[in-house]
């Protein structure tokens, strides 16, 4: 996955996190995910919104996604 873009990596990992720590797999489910190494793009915002995120906070190193 060395050729994978930061957006692609973040998308893949977000799906894995939701699968293992989401509402059907974990109690309590994730409520906040910190992303490092890439800023919030429109594409990533859509990915996280599909996972239930409603709030986004830019950080120096990336962003925080909350639901």
PDB file of N, CA and C in Angstrom:
ATOM      1  N   UNK A   1       0.804  -1.169   0.000  1.00  0.00           N
ATOM      2  CA  UNK A   1       0.000   0.000   0.000  1.00  0.00           C
ATOM      3  C   UNK A   1       0.862   1.252   0.000  1.00  0.00           C
ATOM      4  N   UNK A   2       2.124   1.099  -0.382  1.00  0.00           N
ATOM      5  CA  UNK A   2       3.038   2.231  -0.433  1.00  0.00           C
ATOM      6  C   UNK A   2       2.587   3.273  -1.444  1.00  0.00           C
ATOM      7  N   UNK A   3       1.835   2.871  -2.481  1.00  0.00           N
ATOM      8  CA  UNK A   3       1.390   3.792  -3.515  1.00  0.00           C
ATOM      9  C   UNK A   3       0.079   4.486  -3.141  1.00  0.00           C
ATOM     10  N   UNK A   4      -0.518   4.080  -2.038  1.00  0.00           N
ATOM     11  CA  UNK A   4      -1.829   4.575  -1.637  1.00  0.00           C
ATOM     12  C   UNK A   4      -1.743   6.027  -1.158  1.00  0.00           C
ATOM     13  N   UNK A   5      -2.684   6.858  -1.590  1.00  0.00           N
ATOM     14  CA  UNK A   5      -2.725   8.248  -1.154  1.00  0.00           C
ATOM     15  C   UNK A   5      -3.188   8.325   0.295  1.00  0.00           C
ATOM     16  N   UNK A   6      -2.929   9.458   0.929  1.00  0.00           N
ATOM     17  CA  UNK A   6      -3.362   9.653   2.314  1.00  0.00           C
ATOM     18  C   UNK A   6      -4.883   9.562   2.419  1.00  0.00           C
ATOM     19  N   UNK A   7      -5.600  10.095   1.433  1.00  0.00           N
ATOM     20  CA  UNK A   7      -7.071   9.997   1.435  1.00  0.00           C
ATOM     21  C   UNK A   7      -7.510   8.538   1.345  1.00  0.00           C
ATOM     22  N   UNK A   8      -6.891   7.772   0.476  1.00  0.00           N
ATOM     23  CA  UNK A   8      -7.260   6.365   0.314  1.00  0.00           C
ATOM     24  C   UNK A   8      -6.957   5.572   1.585  1.00  0.00           C
ATOM     25  N   UNK A   9      -5.813   5.834   2.186  1.00  0.00           N
ATOM     26  CA  UNK A   9      -5.455   5.154   3.428  1.00  0.00           C
ATOM     27  C   UNK A   9      -6.450   5.500   4.527  1.00  0.00           C
ATOM     28  N   UNK A  10      -6.778   6.778   4.655  1.00  0.00           N
ATOM     29  CA  UNK A  10      -7.730   7.213   5.683  1.00  0.00           C
ATOM     30  C   UNK A  10      -9.104   6.600   5.465  1.00  0.00           C
ATOM     31  N   UNK A  11      -9.532   6.510   4.220  1.00  0.00           N
ATOM     32  CA  UNK A  11     -10.822   5.901   3.899  1.00  0.00           C
ATOM     33  C   UNK A  11     -10.836   4.430   4.305  1.00  0.00           C
ATOM     34  N   UNK A  12      -9.798   3.709   3.950  1.00  0.00           N
ATOM     35  CA  UNK A  12      -9.709   2.279   4.273  1.00  0.00           C
ATOM     36  C   UNK A  12      -9.679   2.062   5.786  1.00  0.00           C
ATOM     37  N   UNK A  13      -8.881   2.845   6.472  1.00  0.00           N
ATOM     38  CA  UNK A  13      -8.746   2.671   7.917  1.00  0.00           C
ATOM     39  C   UNK A  13     -10.033   3.066   8.641  1.00  0.00           C
ATOM     40  N   UNK A  14     -10.704   4.120   8.177  1.00  0.00           N
ATOM     41  CA  UNK A  14     -11.967   4.538   8.805  1.00  0.00           C
ATOM     42  C   UNK A  14     -12.988   3.413   8.735  1.00  0.00           C
ATOM     43  N   UNK A  15     -13.073   2.757   7.609  1.00  0.00           N
ATOM     44  CA  UNK A  15     -13.999   1.632   7.466  1.00  0.00           C
ATOM     45  C   UNK A  15     -13.640   0.493   8.410  1.00  0.00           C
ATOM     46  N   UNK A  16     -12.351   0.210   8.546  1.00  0.00           N
ATOM     47  CA  UNK A  16     -11.904  -0.838   9.476  1.00  0.00           C
ATOM     48  C   UNK A  16     -12.228  -0.471  10.916  1.00  0.00           C
ATOM     49  N   UNK A  17     -11.986   0.786  11.277  1.00  0.00           N
ATOM     50  CA  UNK A  17     -12.290   1.236  12.644  1.00  0.00           C
ATOM     51  C   UNK A  17     -13.774   1.086  12.917  1.00  0.00           C
ATOM     52  N   UNK A  18     -14.603   1.515  11.978  1.00  0.00           N
ATOM     53  CA  UNK A  18     -16.043   1.419  12.183  1.00  0.00           C
ATOM     54  C   UNK A  18     -16.489  -0.038  12.271  1.00  0.00           C
ATOM     55  N   UNK A  19     -15.886  -0.898  11.479  1.00  0.00           N
ATOM     56  CA  UNK A  19     -16.242  -2.316  11.514  1.00  0.00           C
ATOM     57  C   UNK A  19     -15.939  -2.933  12.883  1.00  0.00           C
ATOM     58  N   UNK A  20     -14.811  -2.547  13.479  1.00  0.00           N
ATOM     59  CA  UNK A  20     -14.376  -3.168  14.732  1.00  0.00           C
ATOM     60  C   UNK A  20     -14.790  -2.397  15.986  1.00  0.00           C
ATOM     61  N   UNK A  21     -15.142  -1.104  15.822  1.00  0.00           N
ATOM     62  CA  UNK A  21     -15.477  -0.273  16.981  1.00  0.00           C
ATOM     63  C   UNK A  21     -16.776   0.492  16.799  1.00  0.00           C
ATOM     64  N   UNK A  22     -17.563   0.138  15.795  1.00  0.00           N
ATOM     65  CA  UNK A  22     -18.832   0.798  15.518  1.00  0.00           C
ATOM     66  C   UNK A  22     -19.952   0.278  16.394  1.00  0.00           C
ATOM     67  N   UNK A  23     -21.163   0.785  16.147  1.00  0.00           N
ATOM     68  CA  UNK A  23     -22.292   0.473  17.013  1.00  0.00           C
ATOM     69  C   UNK A  23     -22.678  -0.999  17.039  1.00  0.00           C
ATOM     70  N   UNK A  24     -22.348  -1.764  16.001  1.00  0.00           N
ATOM     71  CA  UNK A  24     -22.706  -3.179  15.971  1.00  0.00           C
ATOM     72  C   UNK A  24     -21.588  -4.085  16.471  1.00  0.00           C
ATOM     73  N   UNK A  25     -20.427  -3.489  16.807  1.00  0.00           N
ATOM     74  CA  UNK A  25     -19.284  -4.306  17.206  1.00  0.00           C
ATOM     75  C   UNK A  25     -18.729  -3.958  18.580  1.00  0.00           C
ATOM     76  N   UNK A  26     -19.086  -2.817  19.091  1.00  0.00           N
ATOM     77  CA  UNK A  26     -18.428  -2.357  20.312  1.00  0.00           C
ATOM     78  C   UNK A  26     -19.418  -1.570  21.160  1.00  0.00           C
ATOM     79  N   UNK A  27     -19.314  -1.707  22.484  1.00  0.00           N
ATOM     80  CA  UNK A  27     -20.181  -0.954  23.383  1.00  0.00           C
ATOM     81  C   UNK A  27     -19.332  -0.261  24.432  1.00  0.00           C
ATOM     82  N   UNK A  28     -19.211   1.038  24.410  1.00  0.00           N
ATOM     83  CA  UNK A  28     -19.850   1.963  23.483  1.00  0.00           C
ATOM     84  C   UNK A  28     -19.097   2.017  22.155  1.00  0.00           C
ATOM     85  N   UNK A  29     -19.785   2.416  21.095  1.00  0.00           N
ATOM     86  CA  UNK A  29     -19.118   2.551  19.801  1.00  0.00           C
ATOM     87  C   UNK A  29     -18.217   3.783  19.782  1.00  0.00           C
ATOM     88  N   UNK A  30     -17.375   3.863  18.769  1.00  0.00           N
ATOM     89  CA  UNK A  30     -16.481   5.021  18.669  1.00  0.00           C
ATOM     90  C   UNK A  30     -17.309   6.304  18.620  1.00  0.00           C
ATOM     91  N   UNK A  31     -16.752   7.346  19.194  1.00  0.00           N
ATOM     92  CA  UNK A  31     -17.407   8.650  19.159  1.00  0.00           C
ATOM     93  C   UNK A  31     -16.497   9.713  18.563  1.00  0.00           C
ATOM     94  N   UNK A  32     -15.214   9.377  18.450  1.00  0.00           N
ATOM     95  CA  UNK A  32     -14.250  10.357  17.955  1.00  0.00           C
ATOM     96  C   UNK A  32     -13.097   9.611  17.302  1.00  0.00           C
ATOM     97  N   UNK A  33     -12.705  10.052  16.125  1.00  0.00           N
ATOM     98  CA  UNK A  33     -11.541   9.479  15.438  1.00  0.00           C
ATOM     99  C   UNK A  33     -10.600  10.627  15.088  1.00  0.00           C
ATOM    100  N   UNK A  34      -9.347  10.498  15.508  1.00  0.00           N
ATOM    101  CA  UNK A  34      -8.317  11.484  15.187  1.00  0.00           C
ATOM    102  C   UNK A  34      -7.569  10.989  13.952  1.00  0.00           C
ATOM    103  N   UNK A  35      -7.487  11.831  12.939  1.00  0.00           N
ATOM    104  CA  UNK A  35      -6.787  11.480  11.699  1.00  0.00           C
ATOM    105  C   UNK A  35      -5.542  12.356  11.608  1.00  0.00           C
ATOM    106  N   UNK A  36      -4.392  11.728  11.390  1.00  0.00           N
ATOM    107  CA  UNK A  36      -3.118  12.436  11.289  1.00  0.00           C
ATOM    108  C   UNK A  36      -2.536  12.240   9.892  1.00  0.00           C
ATOM    109  N   UNK A  37      -1.912  13.273   9.367  1.00  0.00           N
ATOM    110  CA  UNK A  37      -1.173  13.136   8.127  1.00  0.00           C
ATOM    111  C   UNK A  37      -1.899  13.580   6.877  1.00  0.00           C
ATOM    112  N   UNK A  38      -3.167  13.987   7.003  1.00  0.00           N
ATOM    113  CA  UNK A  38      -3.900  14.498   5.854  1.00  0.00           C
ATOM    114  C   UNK A  38      -4.991  15.439   6.348  1.00  0.00           C
ATOM    115  N   UNK A  39      -5.209  16.534   5.655  1.00  0.00           N
ATOM    116  CA  UNK A  39      -6.294  17.435   6.059  1.00  0.00           C
ATOM    117  C   UNK A  39      -7.646  16.855   5.656  1.00  0.00           C
ATOM    118  N   UNK A  40      -8.699  17.411   6.218  1.00  0.00           N
ATOM    119  CA  UNK A  40     -10.051  16.992   5.870  1.00  0.00           C
ATOM    120  C   UNK A  40     -10.376  17.473   4.456  1.00  0.00           C
ATOM    121  N   UNK A  41     -10.651  16.542   3.580  1.00  0.00           N
ATOM    122  CA  UNK A  41     -11.066  16.859   2.214  1.00  0.00           C
ATOM    123  C   UNK A  41     -12.560  16.606   2.103  1.00  0.00           C
ATOM    124  N   UNK A  42     -13.161  17.061   1.031  1.00  0.00           N
ATOM    125  CA  UNK A  42     -14.582  16.800   0.801  1.00  0.00           C
ATOM    126  C   UNK A  42     -14.829  15.288   0.758  1.00  0.00           C
ATOM    127  N   UNK A  43     -13.932  14.571   0.093  1.00  0.00           N
ATOM    128  CA  UNK A  43     -14.056  13.109  -0.014  1.00  0.00           C
ATOM    129  C   UNK A  43     -14.038  12.443   1.362  1.00  0.00           C
ATOM    130  N   UNK A  44     -13.087  12.846   2.215  1.00  0.00           N
ATOM    131  CA  UNK A  44     -12.998  12.248   3.545  1.00  0.00           C
ATOM    132  C   UNK A  44     -14.191  12.645   4.412  1.00  0.00           C
ATOM    133  N   UNK A  45     -14.650  13.859   4.273  1.00  0.00           N
ATOM    134  CA  UNK A  45     -15.828  14.267   5.040  1.00  0.00           C
ATOM    135  C   UNK A  45     -17.020  13.382   4.681  1.00  0.00           C
ATOM    136  N   UNK A  46     -17.199  13.091   3.406  1.00  0.00           N
ATOM    137  CA  UNK A  46     -18.299  12.225   2.976  1.00  0.00           C
ATOM    138  C   UNK A  46     -18.141  10.813   3.544  1.00  0.00           C
ATOM    139  N   UNK A  47     -16.921  10.289   3.541  1.00  0.00           N
ATOM    140  CA  UNK A  47     -16.660   8.955   4.089  1.00  0.00           C
ATOM    141  C   UNK A  47     -17.065   8.907   5.558  1.00  0.00           C
ATOM    142  N   UNK A  48     -16.629   9.902   6.328  1.00  0.00           N
ATOM    143  CA  UNK A  48     -16.934   9.912   7.751  1.00  0.00           C
ATOM    144  C   UNK A  48     -18.409  10.195   8.018  1.00  0.00           C
ATOM    145  N   UNK A  49     -19.042  11.011   7.194  1.00  0.00           N
ATOM    146  CA  UNK A  49     -20.488  11.250   7.356  1.00  0.00           C
ATOM    147  C   UNK A  49     -21.265   9.945   7.135  1.00  0.00           C
ATOM    148  N   UNK A  50     -20.833   9.137   6.172  1.00  0.00           N
ATOM    149  CA  UNK A  50     -21.482   7.846   5.938  1.00  0.00           C
ATOM    150  C   UNK A  50     -21.324   6.909   7.138  1.00  0.00           C
ATOM    151  N   UNK A  51     -20.294   7.138   7.939  1.00  0.00           N
ATOM    152  CA  UNK A  51     -20.078   6.336   9.152  1.00  0.00           C
ATOM    153  C   UNK A  51     -20.779   6.950  10.359  1.00  0.00           C
ATOM    154  N   UNK A  52     -21.487   8.057  10.149  1.00  0.00           N
ATOM    155  CA  UNK A  52     -22.259   8.670  11.222  1.00  0.00           C
ATOM    156  C   UNK A  52     -21.668   9.920  11.830  1.00  0.00           C
ATOM    157  N   UNK A  53     -20.532  10.384  11.335  1.00  0.00           N
ATOM    158  CA  UNK A  53     -19.918  11.594  11.886  1.00  0.00           C
ATOM    159  C   UNK A  53     -20.751  12.823  11.547  1.00  0.00           C
ATOM    160  N   UNK A  54     -20.811  13.742  12.490  1.00  0.00           N
ATOM    161  CA  UNK A  54     -21.569  14.970  12.283  1.00  0.00           C
ATOM    162  C   UNK A  54     -20.747  16.220  12.552  1.00  0.00           C
ATOM    163  N   UNK A  55     -19.590  16.051  13.185  1.00  0.00           N
ATOM    164  CA  UNK A  55     -18.733  17.196  13.510  1.00  0.00           C
ATOM    165  C   UNK A  55     -17.304  16.922  13.054  1.00  0.00           C
ATOM    166  N   UNK A  56     -16.648  17.981  12.605  1.00  0.00           N
ATOM    167  CA  UNK A  56     -15.271  17.872  12.134  1.00  0.00           C
ATOM    168  C   UNK A  56     -14.481  19.055  12.664  1.00  0.00           C
ATOM    169  N   UNK A  57     -13.282  18.775  13.148  1.00  0.00           N
ATOM    170  CA  UNK A  57     -12.417  19.820  13.679  1.00  0.00           C
ATOM    171  C   UNK A  57     -11.035  19.700  13.042  1.00  0.00           C
ATOM    172  N   UNK A  58     -10.623  20.711  12.299  1.00  0.00           N
ATOM    173  CA  UNK A  58      -9.270  20.676  11.747  1.00  0.00           C
ATOM    174  C   UNK A  58      -8.237  20.771  12.872  1.00  0.00           C
ATOM    175  N   UNK A  59      -7.126  20.093  12.700  1.00  0.00           N
ATOM    176  CA  UNK A  59      -6.019  20.173  13.648  1.00  0.00           C
ATOM    177  C   UNK A  59      -4.743  20.490  12.874  1.00  0.00           C
ATOM    178  N   UNK A  60      -3.695  20.753  13.607  1.00  0.00           N
ATOM    179  CA  UNK A  60      -2.405  21.060  12.981  1.00  0.00           C
ATOM    180  C   UNK A  60      -1.925  19.911  12.097  1.00  0.00           C
ATOM    181  N   UNK A  61      -2.217  18.682  12.509  1.00  0.00           N
ATOM    182  CA  UNK A  61      -1.704  17.500  11.818  1.00  0.00           C
ATOM    183  C   UNK A  61      -2.745  16.742  10.998  1.00  0.00           C
ATOM    184  N   UNK A  62      -4.004  17.203  10.975  1.00  0.00           N
ATOM    185  CA  UNK A  62      -5.053  16.482  10.275  1.00  0.00           C
ATOM    186  C   UNK A  62      -6.431  16.991  10.655  1.00  0.00           C
ATOM    187  N   UNK A  63      -7.230  16.119  11.282  1.00  0.00           N
ATOM    188  CA  UNK A  63      -8.556  16.530  11.739  1.00  0.00           C
ATOM    189  C   UNK A  63      -9.121  15.513  12.726  1.00  0.00           C
ATOM    190  N   UNK A  64     -10.190  15.916  13.407  1.00  0.00           N
ATOM    191  CA  UNK A  64     -10.924  15.042  14.321  1.00  0.00           C
ATOM    192  C   UNK A  64     -12.338  14.924  13.776  1.00  0.00           C
ATOM    193  N   UNK A  65     -12.824  13.712  13.732  1.00  0.00           N
ATOM    194  CA  UNK A  65     -14.186  13.402  13.285  1.00  0.00           C
ATOM    195  C   UNK A  65     -14.966  12.921  14.505  1.00  0.00           C
ATOM    196  N   UNK A  66     -16.155  13.510  14.721  1.00  0.00           N
ATOM    197  CA  UNK A  66     -16.963  13.125  15.892  1.00  0.00           C
ATOM    198  C   UNK A  66     -18.378  12.753  15.467  1.00  0.00           C
ATOM    199  N   UNK A  67     -18.981  11.867  16.258  1.00  0.00           N
ATOM    200  CA  UNK A  67     -20.408  11.583  16.089  1.00  0.00           C
ATOM    201  C   UNK A  67     -21.079  11.528  17.434  1.00  0.00           C
TER     202      UNK A  67
END
